[in-house]
Amino acid sequence: MKIYQSGLFARKVKKFNKNQKTTLDNEIKKIAQDPTVGTEKKGDLRGVFVHKFKIRTALYLLSYRVVNDDLELISIGSLKIITVT
């Protein structure tokens, strides 16, 4: 399985620090082993999966799709988790 990344994905990952990239690499390995680990989107986005994972306190969403046994990383974005005390 080859792993490809879109330009958008590459630009966003370029801003990550070393620890964030290490965590991201581990998550990508999980996806490569089992592409159904994410949740498949519906409707027009059928075939696109979204995998959720945390880096420290931020929740990241990684979108990807499988094309001819290859993995295409589409985009990544973060959601800040707010804890109420």
N, C-alpha and C. Protein backbone atom coordinates (compact mmCIF):
# COMPACT_ATOMS: atom_id res chain seq x y z
N MET A 1 0.84 -1.17 0.00
CA MET A 1 0.00 0.00 0.00
C MET A 1 0.89 1.24 0.00
N LYS A 2 0.67 2.10 -0.96
CA LYS A 2 1.38 3.38 -1.02
C LYS A 2 0.51 4.43 -0.34
N ILE A 3 1.17 5.40 0.27
CA ILE A 3 0.46 6.48 0.95
C ILE A 3 0.78 7.78 0.24
N TYR A 4 -0.28 8.46 -0.22
CA TYR A 4 -0.14 9.75 -0.90
C TYR A 4 -0.76 10.83 -0.02
N GLN A 5 -0.24 12.05 -0.13
CA GLN A 5 -0.83 13.17 0.60
C GLN A 5 -1.15 14.30 -0.36
N SER A 6 -2.27 14.94 -0.11
CA SER A 6 -2.66 16.08 -0.93
C SER A 6 -1.80 17.28 -0.56
N GLY A 7 -1.81 18.29 -1.40
CA GLY A 7 -1.06 19.52 -1.11
C GLY A 7 -1.55 20.19 0.15
N LEU A 8 -2.87 20.19 0.35
CA LEU A 8 -3.46 20.79 1.54
C LEU A 8 -2.98 20.07 2.80
N PHE A 9 -2.98 18.76 2.76
CA PHE A 9 -2.51 17.97 3.90
C PHE A 9 -1.04 18.28 4.20
N ALA A 10 -0.22 18.29 3.18
CA ALA A 10 1.21 18.54 3.34
C ALA A 10 1.48 19.92 3.94
N ARG A 11 0.74 20.93 3.50
CA ARG A 11 0.93 22.28 4.03
C ARG A 11 0.58 22.36 5.51
N LYS A 12 -0.49 21.68 5.91
CA LYS A 12 -0.91 21.72 7.31
C LYS A 12 0.06 20.96 8.20
N VAL A 13 0.55 19.82 7.73
CA VAL A 13 1.47 19.00 8.53
C VAL A 13 2.83 19.69 8.66
N LYS A 14 3.18 20.50 7.70
CA LYS A 14 4.45 21.22 7.72
C LYS A 14 4.57 22.11 8.96
N LYS A 15 3.43 22.56 9.50
CA LYS A 15 3.41 23.44 10.66
C LYS A 15 3.48 22.68 11.99
N PHE A 16 3.38 21.34 11.95
CA PHE A 16 3.42 20.54 13.17
C PHE A 16 4.83 20.50 13.74
N ASN A 17 4.93 20.35 15.06
CA ASN A 17 6.24 20.15 15.67
C ASN A 17 6.59 18.65 15.64
N LYS A 18 7.76 18.32 16.12
CA LYS A 18 8.26 16.94 16.02
C LYS A 18 7.36 15.94 16.76
N ASN A 19 6.92 16.28 17.96
CA ASN A 19 6.07 15.38 18.74
C ASN A 19 4.72 15.17 18.06
N GLN A 20 4.15 16.22 17.48
CA GLN A 20 2.88 16.10 16.78
C GLN A 20 3.02 15.20 15.55
N LYS A 21 4.14 15.35 14.84
CA LYS A 21 4.38 14.52 13.66
C LYS A 21 4.54 13.05 14.03
N THR A 22 5.17 12.78 15.16
CA THR A 22 5.34 11.40 15.62
C THR A 22 3.97 10.77 15.91
N THR A 23 3.12 11.50 16.61
CA THR A 23 1.78 11.00 16.90
C THR A 23 0.99 10.81 15.61
N LEU A 24 1.10 11.76 14.70
CA LEU A 24 0.41 11.65 13.42
C LEU A 24 0.88 10.44 12.63
N ASP A 25 2.18 10.19 12.62
CA ASP A 25 2.72 9.02 11.92
C ASP A 25 2.15 7.72 12.49
N ASN A 26 2.03 7.65 13.81
CA ASN A 26 1.45 6.46 14.45
C ASN A 26 -0.01 6.27 14.04
N GLU A 27 -0.76 7.35 13.95
CA GLU A 27 -2.17 7.26 13.55
C GLU A 27 -2.29 6.85 12.08
N ILE A 28 -1.40 7.34 11.24
CA ILE A 28 -1.41 6.97 9.82
C ILE A 28 -1.09 5.49 9.67
N LYS A 29 -0.19 4.97 10.50
CA LYS A 29 0.12 3.54 10.47
C LYS A 29 -1.10 2.71 10.84
N LYS A 30 -1.87 3.18 11.84
CA LYS A 30 -3.11 2.48 12.22
C LYS A 30 -4.08 2.44 11.04
N ILE A 31 -4.20 3.56 10.34
CA ILE A 31 -5.12 3.64 9.20
C ILE A 31 -4.64 2.71 8.08
N ALA A 32 -3.33 2.68 7.84
CA ALA A 32 -2.78 1.84 6.78
C ALA A 32 -3.03 0.35 7.07
N GLN A 33 -2.98 -0.03 8.34
CA GLN A 33 -3.24 -1.42 8.71
C GLN A 33 -4.71 -1.78 8.58
N ASP A 34 -5.59 -0.85 8.94
CA ASP A 34 -7.03 -1.09 8.87
C ASP A 34 -7.73 0.18 8.38
N PRO A 35 -7.94 0.31 7.06
CA PRO A 35 -8.53 1.54 6.51
C PRO A 35 -9.95 1.83 6.99
N THR A 36 -10.62 0.85 7.60
CA THR A 36 -11.98 1.10 8.07
C THR A 36 -12.00 1.61 9.50
N VAL A 37 -10.84 2.00 10.05
CA VAL A 37 -10.76 2.49 11.43
C VAL A 37 -11.52 3.82 11.56
N GLY A 38 -11.63 4.58 10.50
CA GLY A 38 -12.35 5.85 10.53
C GLY A 38 -13.82 5.66 10.24
N THR A 39 -14.56 6.75 10.27
CA THR A 39 -15.99 6.74 9.98
C THR A 39 -16.20 7.21 8.55
N GLU A 40 -16.95 6.43 7.76
CA GLU A 40 -17.19 6.81 6.37
C GLU A 40 -18.26 7.89 6.31
N LYS A 41 -18.02 8.89 5.47
CA LYS A 41 -18.98 9.96 5.26
C LYS A 41 -20.12 9.47 4.37
N LYS A 42 -21.19 10.20 4.33
CA LYS A 42 -22.37 9.80 3.55
C LYS A 42 -22.63 10.80 2.43
N GLY A 43 -23.50 10.42 1.52
CA GLY A 43 -23.91 11.30 0.44
C GLY A 43 -22.81 11.52 -0.58
N ASP A 44 -22.59 12.79 -0.93
CA ASP A 44 -21.59 13.14 -1.94
C ASP A 44 -20.17 12.78 -1.51
N LEU A 45 -19.95 12.66 -0.22
CA LEU A 45 -18.61 12.34 0.30
C LEU A 45 -18.41 10.85 0.56
N ARG A 46 -19.29 10.02 0.00
CA ARG A 46 -19.15 8.58 0.18
C ARG A 46 -17.77 8.14 -0.33
N GLY A 47 -17.10 7.31 0.45
CA GLY A 47 -15.76 6.87 0.10
C GLY A 47 -14.68 7.63 0.85
N VAL A 48 -15.05 8.74 1.48
CA VAL A 48 -14.11 9.51 2.29
C VAL A 48 -14.33 9.13 3.75
N PHE A 49 -13.23 8.83 4.44
CA PHE A 49 -13.29 8.44 5.85
C PHE A 49 -12.67 9.54 6.70
N VAL A 50 -13.14 9.63 7.95
CA VAL A 50 -12.60 10.60 8.91
C VAL A 50 -12.17 9.83 10.15
N HIS A 51 -10.92 10.02 10.54
CA HIS A 51 -10.36 9.37 11.74
C HIS A 51 -10.11 10.45 12.77
N LYS A 52 -10.62 10.24 13.99
CA LYS A 52 -10.44 11.21 15.08
C LYS A 52 -9.39 10.70 16.05
N PHE A 53 -8.51 11.60 16.48
CA PHE A 53 -7.50 11.26 17.47
C PHE A 53 -7.05 12.53 18.20
N LYS A 54 -6.43 12.34 19.37
CA LYS A 54 -6.00 13.48 20.18
C LYS A 54 -4.49 13.63 20.15
N ILE A 55 -4.06 14.87 20.13
CA ILE A 55 -2.67 15.23 20.40
C ILE A 55 -2.75 16.24 21.54
N ARG A 56 -2.26 15.83 22.69
CA ARG A 56 -2.41 16.60 23.93
C ARG A 56 -3.88 16.85 24.21
N THR A 57 -4.31 18.12 24.19
CA THR A 57 -5.72 18.41 24.49
C THR A 57 -6.53 18.74 23.25
N ALA A 58 -5.93 18.67 22.09
CA ALA A 58 -6.64 19.01 20.85
C ALA A 58 -7.10 17.74 20.13
N LEU A 59 -8.32 17.77 19.65
CA LEU A 59 -8.87 16.67 18.87
C LEU A 59 -8.61 16.96 17.40
N TYR A 60 -7.99 16.02 16.71
CA TYR A 60 -7.68 16.18 15.29
C TYR A 60 -8.56 15.27 14.46
N LEU A 61 -8.97 15.76 13.31
CA LEU A 61 -9.74 14.98 12.35
C LEU A 61 -8.89 14.84 11.09
N LEU A 62 -8.65 13.60 10.69
CA LEU A 62 -7.85 13.32 9.50
C LEU A 62 -8.78 12.68 8.47
N SER A 63 -8.91 13.30 7.31
CA SER A 63 -9.76 12.72 6.27
C SER A 63 -8.87 12.02 5.24
N TYR A 64 -9.36 10.87 4.79
CA TYR A 64 -8.59 10.05 3.85
C TYR A 64 -9.54 9.20 3.01
N ARG A 65 -9.00 8.60 1.98
CA ARG A 65 -9.76 7.64 1.17
C ARG A 65 -8.80 6.60 0.62
N VAL A 66 -9.36 5.45 0.31
CA VAL A 66 -8.59 4.35 -0.25
C VAL A 66 -8.91 4.28 -1.73
N VAL A 67 -7.87 4.34 -2.57
CA VAL A 67 -8.03 4.29 -4.01
C VAL A 67 -7.11 3.20 -4.55
N ASN A 68 -7.70 2.14 -5.09
CA ASN A 68 -6.91 1.04 -5.67
C ASN A 68 -5.83 0.53 -4.73
N ASP A 69 -6.19 0.22 -3.50
CA ASP A 69 -5.27 -0.28 -2.47
C ASP A 69 -4.20 0.74 -2.07
N ASP A 70 -4.36 1.99 -2.42
CA ASP A 70 -3.46 3.06 -1.99
C ASP A 70 -4.23 3.98 -1.05
N LEU A 71 -3.52 4.61 -0.13
CA LEU A 71 -4.13 5.50 0.86
C LEU A 71 -3.83 6.94 0.48
N GLU A 72 -4.88 7.74 0.33
CA GLU A 72 -4.72 9.16 0.02
C GLU A 72 -5.15 9.98 1.22
N LEU A 73 -4.22 10.74 1.80
CA LEU A 73 -4.50 11.60 2.93
C LEU A 73 -4.98 12.94 2.37
N ILE A 74 -6.21 13.32 2.68
CA ILE A 74 -6.82 14.48 2.06
C ILE A 74 -6.57 15.76 2.87
N SER A 75 -6.93 15.72 4.16
CA SER A 75 -6.82 16.93 4.97
C SER A 75 -6.72 16.55 6.45
N ILE A 76 -6.28 17.51 7.24
CA ILE A 76 -6.23 17.35 8.69
C ILE A 76 -6.58 18.69 9.31
N GLY A 77 -7.33 18.63 10.40
CA GLY A 77 -7.71 19.84 11.10
C GLY A 77 -7.90 19.57 12.56
N SER A 78 -7.87 20.60 13.37
CA SER A 78 -8.00 20.41 14.82
C SER A 78 -9.25 21.09 15.36
N LEU A 79 -9.74 20.51 16.44
CA LEU A 79 -10.82 21.08 17.21
C LEU A 79 -10.32 21.19 18.64
N LYS A 80 -10.45 22.34 19.23
CA LYS A 80 -9.98 22.49 20.60
C LYS A 80 -11.05 21.94 21.55
N ILE A 81 -10.60 21.16 22.51
CA ILE A 81 -11.50 20.58 23.49
C ILE A 81 -11.55 21.53 24.69
N ILE A 82 -12.75 21.93 25.04
CA ILE A 82 -12.91 22.85 26.16
C ILE A 82 -13.43 22.03 27.35
N THR A 83 -12.74 22.11 28.46
CA THR A 83 -13.17 21.41 29.64
C THR A 83 -13.75 22.42 30.62
N VAL A 84 -14.91 22.08 31.15
CA VAL A 84 -15.58 22.96 32.11
C VAL A 84 -15.31 22.44 33.51
N THR A 85 -14.86 23.32 34.38
CA THR A 85 -14.57 22.89 35.76
C THR A 85 -15.51 23.53 36.74
